[in-house]
Every structure is written in C-alpha cells, then in structure tokens.
Amino acid sequence: MRLWLRAGVVACAAGAAVSWVLFLRAAFVQSPGSFVPTGAVLLAIVFGGLAISASVAAIRDIPIVVAFAGGLSLVPMGLYMMLFPGPGRWIGLCDFGMLAIGIALVRSDRSGPDDDLSPSEPPPPGSARPA
C-alpha cells in the first residue's frame, strides 16, 4: 500500500513540475516582444524544485517531507493557481494530491511488505549486535 502511495506522490510531483514548465512556457508565449515577469520564472523554479524534492522524499520514504512540500506549495500558490485555466489549475490539484498522500503516508504504519524494518537474517555468530 505504501509503495502505491509513494508512486502516487511521484506522479503528482511530476505533474506539478510539468505544469510549472507549461506555465512558464505560456508566460514566454504571451510576451513575445517584452520581458517575461521575473516572478513567473522564480515561481516556476522554486515550486518546481519543491515538487521534485517531494518526489525524492517519496522515493526515499520520508513522508513528513512530502506532506510539508505539498502544504508549502499548495497554500501560497496552489490555491491561487487553481483559479486559472490550463496548466495552472493542474498545479493546485497536484499540490493537493501531494499533501493528501503525504498525510496518508505519515499516518500509515511502516509494517507493510514493501518496507523492511528488521534485518531479514540474523547476524553471523561472533559479530556484535547493535544496541
């Protein structure tokens, strides 16, 4: 179960990162002869990087980082971007997905078959056991 949740976070984070790239592309297309707003570039870099860090945290099974990354990206910009059509709406939905799955991962126990918390075989005789 945790493996599927972690895969869902990776999918949501990839969707958010791609949506930020599409948002940045739209900002460049709408201003062909003038300067692109610096805020659009910085938002895409910061929140795209936050989505990638949530994906890495999900792969490493660090659920609190996934929940924080989803919450940080949802509250300032995700909710605001849900009001826009196109890729902006998907940014907020993917951020909400990361937050919800991160909370589910934090609340779930790690005793599933894909999480091995104990060594699979006993240590060899004569070796020191860790305390």
Protein backbone atom coordinates (compact mmCIF):
# COMPACT_ATOMS: atom_id res chain seq x y z
CA MET A 1 0.00 0.00 0.00
CA ARG A 2 2.77 2.44 0.92
CA LEU A 3 4.53 1.67 -2.33
CA TRP A 4 1.46 2.72 -4.33
CA LEU A 5 1.06 5.87 -2.25
CA ARG A 6 4.69 6.77 -2.82
CA ALA A 7 4.25 6.15 -6.55
CA GLY A 8 1.22 8.46 -6.43
CA VAL A 9 3.35 11.20 -4.89
CA VAL A 10 5.94 10.78 -7.63
CA ALA A 11 3.18 11.06 -10.25
CA CYS A 12 1.67 14.16 -8.58
CA ALA A 13 5.10 15.78 -8.24
CA ALA A 14 5.92 15.06 -11.88
CA GLY A 15 2.56 16.52 -12.90
CA ALA A 16 3.20 19.65 -10.83
CA ALA A 17 6.71 20.11 -12.23
CA VAL A 18 5.49 19.68 -15.82
CA SER A 19 2.61 22.08 -15.14
CA TRP A 20 5.06 24.70 -13.87
CA VAL A 21 7.12 24.30 -17.04
CA LEU A 22 3.96 24.71 -19.15
CA PHE A 23 3.01 27.77 -17.09
CA LEU A 24 6.44 29.28 -17.72
CA ARG A 25 6.15 28.48 -21.42
CA ALA A 26 2.79 30.24 -21.54
CA ALA A 27 4.36 33.28 -19.85
CA PHE A 28 7.02 33.40 -22.58
CA VAL A 29 4.48 32.95 -25.38
CA GLN A 30 2.20 35.73 -24.11
CA SER A 31 5.01 38.26 -24.00
CA PRO A 32 6.97 37.76 -27.25
CA GLY A 33 8.47 41.22 -27.60
CA SER A 34 8.68 42.25 -23.97
CA PHE A 35 10.25 40.95 -20.82
CA VAL A 36 8.79 37.94 -19.04
CA PRO A 37 7.84 38.80 -15.48
CA THR A 38 10.66 37.75 -13.19
CA GLY A 39 8.15 36.44 -10.69
CA ALA A 40 6.90 33.83 -13.15
CA VAL A 41 10.40 32.49 -13.67
CA LEU A 42 11.17 32.43 -9.95
CA LEU A 43 7.85 30.78 -9.11
CA ALA A 44 8.45 28.05 -11.67
CA ILE A 45 11.96 27.40 -10.37
CA VAL A 46 11.07 27.42 -6.66
CA PHE A 47 7.84 25.46 -6.76
CA GLY A 48 9.05 23.11 -9.49
CA GLY A 49 12.07 22.36 -7.30
CA LEU A 50 9.78 21.84 -4.33
CA ALA A 51 7.78 19.30 -6.33
CA ILE A 52 10.97 17.49 -7.32
CA SER A 53 12.12 17.42 -3.68
CA ALA A 54 8.76 15.90 -2.70
CA SER A 55 9.29 13.23 -5.33
CA VAL A 56 12.76 12.43 -3.99
CA ALA A 57 11.38 12.32 -0.44
CA ALA A 58 8.69 9.88 -1.55
CA ILE A 59 11.25 7.64 -3.20
CA ARG A 60 13.33 7.68 0.00
CA ASP A 61 10.17 7.13 2.10
CA ILE A 62 10.32 10.32 4.14
CA PRO A 63 6.61 11.11 4.38
CA ILE A 64 6.81 14.23 6.57
CA VAL A 65 8.83 16.00 3.87
CA VAL A 66 6.21 15.00 1.30
CA ALA A 67 3.44 16.46 3.47
CA PHE A 68 5.40 19.68 4.11
CA ALA A 69 6.28 20.10 0.43
CA GLY A 70 2.66 19.56 -0.59
CA GLY A 71 1.42 22.01 2.03
CA LEU A 72 4.03 24.66 1.24
CA SER A 73 3.32 24.51 -2.46
CA LEU A 74 -0.46 24.39 -2.04
CA VAL A 75 -1.06 27.25 0.38
CA PRO A 76 0.73 30.18 -1.25
CA MET A 77 0.41 29.36 -4.92
CA GLY A 78 -1.54 26.15 -5.49
CA LEU A 79 -4.84 27.57 -4.31
CA TYR A 80 -4.28 30.76 -6.30
CA MET A 81 -3.31 28.86 -9.45
CA MET A 82 -6.46 26.71 -9.28
CA LEU A 83 -8.40 29.80 -10.39
CA PHE A 84 -6.61 29.92 -13.76
CA PRO A 85 -7.46 27.74 -16.76
CA GLY A 86 -4.99 25.37 -18.34
CA PRO A 87 -1.85 24.13 -16.62
CA GLY A 88 -2.32 26.49 -13.69
CA ARG A 89 -5.29 24.52 -12.44
CA TRP A 90 -3.29 21.27 -12.52
CA ILE A 91 -0.61 22.82 -10.34
CA GLY A 92 -3.06 23.25 -7.48
CA LEU A 93 -4.60 19.82 -7.95
CA CYS A 94 -1.21 18.10 -7.96
CA ASP A 95 -0.15 20.05 -4.87
CA PHE A 96 -3.32 18.98 -3.09
CA GLY A 97 -2.63 15.38 -4.10
CA MET A 98 0.89 15.56 -2.67
CA LEU A 99 -0.44 16.98 0.59
CA ALA A 100 -3.20 14.38 0.94
CA ILE A 101 -0.95 11.45 0.10
CA GLY A 102 1.78 12.82 2.38
CA ILE A 103 -0.67 12.93 5.28
CA ALA A 104 -1.81 9.39 4.47
CA LEU A 105 1.82 8.23 4.43
CA VAL A 106 2.54 9.88 7.78
CA ARG A 107 -0.50 8.26 9.37
CA SER A 108 0.11 4.79 7.95
CA ASP A 109 2.36 2.30 9.64
CA ARG A 110 5.53 1.01 8.02
CA SER A 111 4.90 -2.68 8.59
CA GLY A 112 3.86 -3.46 5.02
CA PRO A 113 5.59 -5.99 2.78
CA ASP A 114 7.46 -3.28 0.84
CA ASP A 115 9.03 -1.83 4.00
CA ASP A 116 11.59 -4.00 5.73
CA LEU A 117 12.44 -2.51 9.11
CA SER A 118 14.12 -5.58 10.55
CA PRO A 119 17.06 -7.49 9.12
CA SER A 120 15.97 -10.48 7.05
CA GLU A 121 18.52 -12.83 8.51
CA PRO A 122 20.24 -12.97 11.90
CA PRO A 123 23.78 -11.67 12.15
CA PRO A 124 26.56 -14.25 11.86
CA PRO A 125 27.84 -15.79 15.10
CA GLY A 126 30.55 -13.81 16.79
CA SER A 127 29.52 -10.46 15.38
CA ALA A 128 28.43 -7.70 17.72
CA ARG A 129 24.71 -6.97 17.76
CA PRO A 130 23.81 -3.28 17.64
CA ALA A 131 22.03 -1.98 20.69
